[in-house]
């Protein structure tokens, strides 16, 4: 099925599978997710799911890589203002906690050490290049661009679903989020300041 152009009905079915499976995988991980629940909630059948994605594992991989692309495209880096980028990431995690949960399951079930994704799936080349350019322009401290990116991302996740102290939600009072944004912005600025 993947080789044939999808009809509008087929595209809608495929998107329903992705939408339902995203929530299923975010909640239960790859091992705990059940194809039966996915197809029932997506109002389709196993043959359709396997026809579009090949296997449960390939469906998970598709969703995870799409989620990484969603963050990359929805929250583009501004290496000249990494503090603002961190705050925008914080807001995206509030809006889409499922994206962070998917990454957590990948870490737990697939890649307990090293890079979260294989080299072929890495989406950070543009980010690393932007950080290196900002370093060359004297806007960001010296150091390995990957390590700087990792620090900023980790700081942006301080209150995300992967936090080991507190997971924020979008339902909390706006002033609480604004306090966190202010602290995050100031902390990242200090962490990456040249000097």
C-alpha atoms as a PDB file:
ATOM      1  CA  UNK A   1       0.000   0.000   0.000  1.00  0.00           C
ATOM      2  CA  UNK A   2       2.841   2.373   0.720  1.00  0.00           C
ATOM      3  CA  UNK A   3       3.893   2.270  -2.955  1.00  0.00           C
ATOM      4  CA  UNK A   4       0.456   3.196  -4.291  1.00  0.00           C
ATOM      5  CA  UNK A   5      -0.898   6.731  -4.054  1.00  0.00           C
ATOM      6  CA  UNK A   6      -3.409   6.987  -1.254  1.00  0.00           C
ATOM      7  CA  UNK A   7      -7.008   7.879  -1.874  1.00  0.00           C
ATOM      8  CA  UNK A   8      -8.426  10.602   0.359  1.00  0.00           C
ATOM      9  CA  UNK A   9     -10.126   7.871   2.387  1.00  0.00           C
ATOM     10  CA  UNK A  10      -6.846   5.932   2.677  1.00  0.00           C
ATOM     11  CA  UNK A  11      -4.970   9.074   3.723  1.00  0.00           C
ATOM     12  CA  UNK A  12      -7.597   9.760   6.381  1.00  0.00           C
ATOM     13  CA  UNK A  13      -7.310   6.197   7.692  1.00  0.00           C
ATOM     14  CA  UNK A  14      -3.520   6.406   7.779  1.00  0.00           C
ATOM     15  CA  UNK A  15      -3.686   9.715   9.668  1.00  0.00           C
ATOM     16  CA  UNK A  16      -6.171   8.275  12.183  1.00  0.00           C
ATOM     17  CA  UNK A  17      -3.766   5.396  12.813  1.00  0.00           C
ATOM     18  CA  UNK A  18      -0.909   7.862  13.372  1.00  0.00           C
ATOM     19  CA  UNK A  19      -2.987  10.053  15.694  1.00  0.00           C
ATOM     20  CA  UNK A  20      -4.243   7.148  17.800  1.00  0.00           C
ATOM     21  CA  UNK A  21      -0.891   5.346  17.815  1.00  0.00           C
ATOM     22  CA  UNK A  22       0.919   8.507  18.916  1.00  0.00           C
ATOM     23  CA  UNK A  23      -1.187   8.617  22.066  1.00  0.00           C
ATOM     24  CA  UNK A  24      -0.960   4.845  22.567  1.00  0.00           C
ATOM     25  CA  UNK A  25       2.837   4.820  22.292  1.00  0.00           C
ATOM     26  CA  UNK A  26       3.199   7.946  24.438  1.00  0.00           C
ATOM     27  CA  UNK A  27       1.156   6.304  27.167  1.00  0.00           C
ATOM     28  CA  UNK A  28       2.390   2.714  27.027  1.00  0.00           C
ATOM     29  CA  UNK A  29       5.656   2.712  25.091  1.00  0.00           C
ATOM     30  CA  UNK A  30       6.481   0.303  22.305  1.00  0.00           C
ATOM     31  CA  UNK A  31       6.286  -2.841  24.433  1.00  0.00           C
ATOM     32  CA  UNK A  32       3.042  -1.894  26.174  1.00  0.00           C
ATOM     33  CA  UNK A  33       1.177  -0.491  23.178  1.00  0.00           C
ATOM     34  CA  UNK A  34      -1.400  -2.810  21.667  1.00  0.00           C
ATOM     35  CA  UNK A  35      -2.177  -2.955  17.970  1.00  0.00           C
ATOM     36  CA  UNK A  36      -5.707  -4.094  18.853  1.00  0.00           C
ATOM     37  CA  UNK A  37      -6.360  -0.858  20.777  1.00  0.00           C
ATOM     38  CA  UNK A  38      -4.843   1.243  18.004  1.00  0.00           C
ATOM     39  CA  UNK A  39      -6.940  -0.248  15.202  1.00  0.00           C
ATOM     40  CA  UNK A  40     -10.121  -0.194  17.290  1.00  0.00           C
ATOM     41  CA  UNK A  41      -9.709   3.478  18.187  1.00  0.00           C
ATOM     42  CA  UNK A  42      -8.655   4.357  14.624  1.00  0.00           C
ATOM     43  CA  UNK A  43     -11.699   2.518  13.247  1.00  0.00           C
ATOM     44  CA  UNK A  44      -9.650   0.304  10.960  1.00  0.00           C
ATOM     45  CA  UNK A  45      -8.047  -3.149  11.007  1.00  0.00           C
ATOM     46  CA  UNK A  46      -4.649  -4.763  11.431  1.00  0.00           C
ATOM     47  CA  UNK A  47      -4.266  -5.373   7.696  1.00  0.00           C
ATOM     48  CA  UNK A  48      -4.529  -1.623   7.060  1.00  0.00           C
ATOM     49  CA  UNK A  49      -2.056  -0.778   9.817  1.00  0.00           C
ATOM     50  CA  UNK A  50       0.470  -3.353   8.590  1.00  0.00           C
ATOM     51  CA  UNK A  51      -0.147  -2.334   4.985  1.00  0.00           C
ATOM     52  CA  UNK A  52       0.720   1.282   5.730  1.00  0.00           C
ATOM     53  CA  UNK A  53       3.516   0.759   8.246  1.00  0.00           C
ATOM     54  CA  UNK A  54       4.797  -2.827   7.995  1.00  0.00           C
ATOM     55  CA  UNK A  55       4.907  -3.531  11.731  1.00  0.00           C
ATOM     56  CA  UNK A  56       4.202  -2.051  15.122  1.00  0.00           C
ATOM     57  CA  UNK A  57       7.902  -1.196  15.432  1.00  0.00           C
ATOM     58  CA  UNK A  58       7.952   0.623  12.090  1.00  0.00           C
ATOM     59  CA  UNK A  59       4.822   2.550  13.090  1.00  0.00           C
ATOM     60  CA  UNK A  60       6.535   3.587  16.323  1.00  0.00           C
ATOM     61  CA  UNK A  61       9.664   4.662  14.423  1.00  0.00           C
ATOM     62  CA  UNK A  62       7.602   6.669  11.945  1.00  0.00           C
ATOM     63  CA  UNK A  63       5.760   8.458  14.725  1.00  0.00           C
ATOM     64  CA  UNK A  64       8.910   9.132  16.731  1.00  0.00           C
ATOM     65  CA  UNK A  65      10.840  10.548  13.784  1.00  0.00           C
ATOM     66  CA  UNK A  66       7.813  12.649  12.808  1.00  0.00           C
ATOM     67  CA  UNK A  67       7.659  13.978  16.377  1.00  0.00           C
ATOM     68  CA  UNK A  68      11.304  14.999  16.206  1.00  0.00           C
ATOM     69  CA  UNK A  69      10.652  16.727  12.906  1.00  0.00           C
ATOM     70  CA  UNK A  70       7.633  18.428  14.444  1.00  0.00           C
ATOM     71  CA  UNK A  71       9.774  19.936  17.185  1.00  0.00           C
ATOM     72  CA  UNK A  72      12.508  20.907  14.714  1.00  0.00           C
ATOM     73  CA  UNK A  73      10.059  22.576  12.332  1.00  0.00           C
ATOM     74  CA  UNK A  74       7.708  24.006  14.945  1.00  0.00           C
ATOM     75  CA  UNK A  75      10.444  25.389  17.181  1.00  0.00           C
ATOM     76  CA  UNK A  76      13.316  26.381  14.897  1.00  0.00           C
ATOM     77  CA  UNK A  77      16.585  27.233  16.584  1.00  0.00           C
ATOM     78  CA  UNK A  78      17.798  30.795  16.907  1.00  0.00           C
ATOM     79  CA  UNK A  79      21.402  30.264  17.930  1.00  0.00           C
ATOM     80  CA  UNK A  80      21.782  34.001  18.452  1.00  0.00           C
ATOM     81  CA  UNK A  81      19.139  33.747  21.176  1.00  0.00           C
ATOM     82  CA  UNK A  82      19.329  30.275  22.660  1.00  0.00           C
ATOM     83  CA  UNK A  83      17.427  31.505  25.724  1.00  0.00           C
ATOM     84  CA  UNK A  84      14.395  32.303  23.588  1.00  0.00           C
ATOM     85  CA  UNK A  85      14.722  28.925  21.853  1.00  0.00           C
ATOM     86  CA  UNK A  86      14.700  27.197  25.266  1.00  0.00           C
ATOM     87  CA  UNK A  87      11.522  29.051  26.262  1.00  0.00           C
ATOM     88  CA  UNK A  88       9.822  28.125  22.983  1.00  0.00           C
ATOM     89  CA  UNK A  89      10.802  24.481  23.579  1.00  0.00           C
ATOM     90  CA  UNK A  90       9.318  24.701  27.099  1.00  0.00           C
ATOM     91  CA  UNK A  91       6.055  25.954  25.577  1.00  0.00           C
ATOM     92  CA  UNK A  92       6.049  23.169  22.977  1.00  0.00           C
ATOM     93  CA  UNK A  93       6.469  20.547  25.714  1.00  0.00           C
ATOM     94  CA  UNK A  94       3.449  22.039  27.493  1.00  0.00           C
ATOM     95  CA  UNK A  95       1.455  21.927  24.298  1.00  0.00           C
ATOM     96  CA  UNK A  96       2.604  18.437  23.234  1.00  0.00           C
ATOM     97  CA  UNK A  97       3.771  16.346  26.216  1.00  0.00           C
ATOM     98  CA  UNK A  98       3.302  13.227  24.076  1.00  0.00           C
ATOM     99  CA  UNK A  99       6.379  14.210  22.043  1.00  0.00           C
ATOM    100  CA  UNK A 100       8.586  14.069  25.119  1.00  0.00           C
ATOM    101  CA  UNK A 101       7.018  10.844  26.326  1.00  0.00           C
ATOM    102  CA  UNK A 102       7.816   9.204  22.980  1.00  0.00           C
ATOM    103  CA  UNK A 103      11.472  10.213  23.336  1.00  0.00           C
ATOM    104  CA  UNK A 104      11.457   8.824  26.878  1.00  0.00           C
ATOM    105  CA  UNK A 105      10.183   5.469  25.631  1.00  0.00           C
ATOM    106  CA  UNK A 106      12.885   5.393  22.951  1.00  0.00           C
ATOM    107  CA  UNK A 107      15.482   5.971  25.663  1.00  0.00           C
ATOM    108  CA  UNK A 108      13.987   3.293  27.913  1.00  0.00           C
ATOM    109  CA  UNK A 109      13.204   0.640  25.333  1.00  0.00           C
ATOM    110  CA  UNK A 110      15.595   1.172  22.462  1.00  0.00           C
ATOM    111  CA  UNK A 111      18.648   3.330  23.161  1.00  0.00           C
ATOM    112  CA  UNK A 112      19.576   3.415  26.841  1.00  0.00           C
ATOM    113  CA  UNK A 113      22.925   5.085  26.081  1.00  0.00           C
ATOM    114  CA  UNK A 114      24.458   7.303  23.444  1.00  0.00           C
ATOM    115  CA  UNK A 115      22.513   9.300  20.875  1.00  0.00           C
ATOM    116  CA  UNK A 116      18.735   9.026  21.025  1.00  0.00           C
ATOM    117  CA  UNK A 117      18.536   8.278  17.301  1.00  0.00           C
ATOM    118  CA  UNK A 118      20.814   6.581  14.794  1.00  0.00           C
ATOM    119  CA  UNK A 119      23.123   8.801  12.767  1.00  0.00           C
ATOM    120  CA  UNK A 120      20.975   8.367   9.665  1.00  0.00           C
ATOM    121  CA  UNK A 121      17.963   9.754  11.538  1.00  0.00           C
ATOM    122  CA  UNK A 122      19.709  12.708  13.188  1.00  0.00           C
ATOM    123  CA  UNK A 123      17.956  16.023  12.642  1.00  0.00           C
ATOM    124  CA  UNK A 124      20.384  18.322  14.413  1.00  0.00           C
ATOM    125  CA  UNK A 125      22.947  19.203  11.729  1.00  0.00           C
ATOM    126  CA  UNK A 126      21.341  22.597  11.057  1.00  0.00           C
ATOM    127  CA  UNK A 127      21.123  23.325  14.792  1.00  0.00           C
ATOM    128  CA  UNK A 128      24.765  22.450  15.326  1.00  0.00           C
ATOM    129  CA  UNK A 129      25.787  24.583  12.370  1.00  0.00           C
ATOM    130  CA  UNK A 130      23.775  27.514  13.711  1.00  0.00           C
ATOM    131  CA  UNK A 131      25.415  27.195  17.132  1.00  0.00           C
ATOM    132  CA  UNK A 132      28.887  27.014  15.555  1.00  0.00           C
ATOM    133  CA  UNK A 133      28.098  30.155  13.526  1.00  0.00           C
ATOM    134  CA  UNK A 134      26.912  31.946  16.681  1.00  0.00           C
ATOM    135  CA  UNK A 135      30.121  30.889  18.413  1.00  0.00           C
ATOM    136  CA  UNK A 136      32.196  32.230  15.523  1.00  0.00           C
ATOM    137  CA  UNK A 137      30.291  35.529  15.756  1.00  0.00           C
ATOM    138  CA  UNK A 138      31.073  35.742  19.494  1.00  0.00           C
ATOM    139  CA  UNK A 139      27.428  35.352  20.553  1.00  0.00           C
ATOM    140  CA  UNK A 140      27.772  31.977  22.287  1.00  0.00           C
ATOM    141  CA  UNK A 141      30.479  30.536  24.506  1.00  0.00           C
ATOM    142  CA  UNK A 142      33.109  28.229  23.120  1.00  0.00           C
ATOM    143  CA  UNK A 143      32.606  24.507  23.398  1.00  0.00           C
ATOM    144  CA  UNK A 144      31.275  21.575  21.503  1.00  0.00           C
ATOM    145  CA  UNK A 145      28.076  22.728  19.721  1.00  0.00           C
ATOM    146  CA  UNK A 146      26.400  19.403  20.466  1.00  0.00           C
ATOM    147  CA  UNK A 147      27.104  19.733  24.187  1.00  0.00           C
ATOM    148  CA  UNK A 148      25.784  23.302  24.233  1.00  0.00           C
ATOM    149  CA  UNK A 149      22.646  22.200  22.404  1.00  0.00           C
ATOM    150  CA  UNK A 150      22.195  19.324  24.866  1.00  0.00           C
ATOM    151  CA  UNK A 151      22.509  21.673  27.858  1.00  0.00           C
ATOM    152  CA  UNK A 152      19.954  24.114  26.465  1.00  0.00           C
ATOM    153  CA  UNK A 153      17.516  21.322  25.627  1.00  0.00           C
ATOM    154  CA  UNK A 154      17.966  19.784  29.080  1.00  0.00           C
ATOM    155  CA  UNK A 155      17.289  23.138  30.714  1.00  0.00           C
ATOM    156  CA  UNK A 156      14.153  23.572  28.605  1.00  0.00           C
ATOM    157  CA  UNK A 157      12.927  20.191  29.887  1.00  0.00           C
ATOM    158  CA  UNK A 158      13.308  21.066  33.563  1.00  0.00           C
ATOM    159  CA  UNK A 159       9.514  20.959  34.033  1.00  0.00           C
ATOM    160  CA  UNK A 160       8.644  18.548  31.218  1.00  0.00           C
ATOM    161  CA  UNK A 161       7.291  14.991  31.510  1.00  0.00           C
ATOM    162  CA  UNK A 162      10.914  13.754  31.773  1.00  0.00           C
ATOM    163  CA  UNK A 163      11.682  15.888  34.811  1.00  0.00           C
ATOM    164  CA  UNK A 164      12.611  13.880  37.869  1.00  0.00           C
ATOM    165  CA  UNK A 165      11.171  16.528  40.174  1.00  0.00           C
ATOM    166  CA  UNK A 166       8.063  18.079  38.573  1.00  0.00           C
ATOM    167  CA  UNK A 167       6.049  17.768  35.359  1.00  0.00           C
ATOM    168  CA  UNK A 168       4.214  20.945  34.382  1.00  0.00           C
ATOM    169  CA  UNK A 169       0.942  21.022  32.460  1.00  0.00           C
ATOM    170  CA  UNK A 170      -0.756  23.613  30.329  1.00  0.00           C
ATOM    171  CA  UNK A 171      -3.582  23.778  32.877  1.00  0.00           C
ATOM    172  CA  UNK A 172      -1.412  25.468  35.506  1.00  0.00           C
ATOM    173  CA  UNK A 173      -1.811  29.215  36.113  1.00  0.00           C
ATOM    174  CA  UNK A 174      -0.273  31.382  33.360  1.00  0.00           C
ATOM    175  CA  UNK A 175       1.732  33.379  35.900  1.00  0.00           C
ATOM    176  CA  UNK A 176       3.470  30.198  37.053  1.00  0.00           C
ATOM    177  CA  UNK A 177       4.550  29.465  33.488  1.00  0.00           C
ATOM    178  CA  UNK A 178       5.746  33.022  33.089  1.00  0.00           C
ATOM    179  CA  UNK A 179       7.904  32.702  36.224  1.00  0.00           C
ATOM    180  CA  UNK A 180       9.454  29.542  34.804  1.00  0.00           C
ATOM    181  CA  UNK A 181      10.028  31.179  31.421  1.00  0.00           C
ATOM    182  CA  UNK A 182      11.806  34.085  33.089  1.00  0.00           C
ATOM    183  CA  UNK A 183      14.030  31.773  35.138  1.00  0.00           C
ATOM    184  CA  UNK A 184      14.744  29.574  32.117  1.00  0.00           C
ATOM    185  CA  UNK A 185      15.564  32.548  29.886  1.00  0.00           C
ATOM    186  CA  UNK A 186      17.968  34.052  32.429  1.00  0.00           C
ATOM    187  CA  UNK A 187      19.593  30.704  33.233  1.00  0.00           C
ATOM    188  CA  UNK A 188      20.216  29.809  29.598  1.00  0.00           C
ATOM    189  CA  UNK A 189      21.607  33.274  28.859  1.00  0.00           C
ATOM    190  CA  UNK A 190      24.126  32.839  31.674  1.00  0.00           C
ATOM    191  CA  UNK A 191      24.977  29.286  30.656  1.00  0.00           C
ATOM    192  CA  UNK A 192      25.764  30.110  27.027  1.00  0.00           C
ATOM    193  CA  UNK A 193      27.165  33.617  27.388  1.00  0.00           C
ATOM    194  CA  UNK A 194      30.600  34.054  25.833  1.00  0.00           C
ATOM    195  CA  UNK A 195      33.374  34.793  28.153  1.00  0.00           C
END
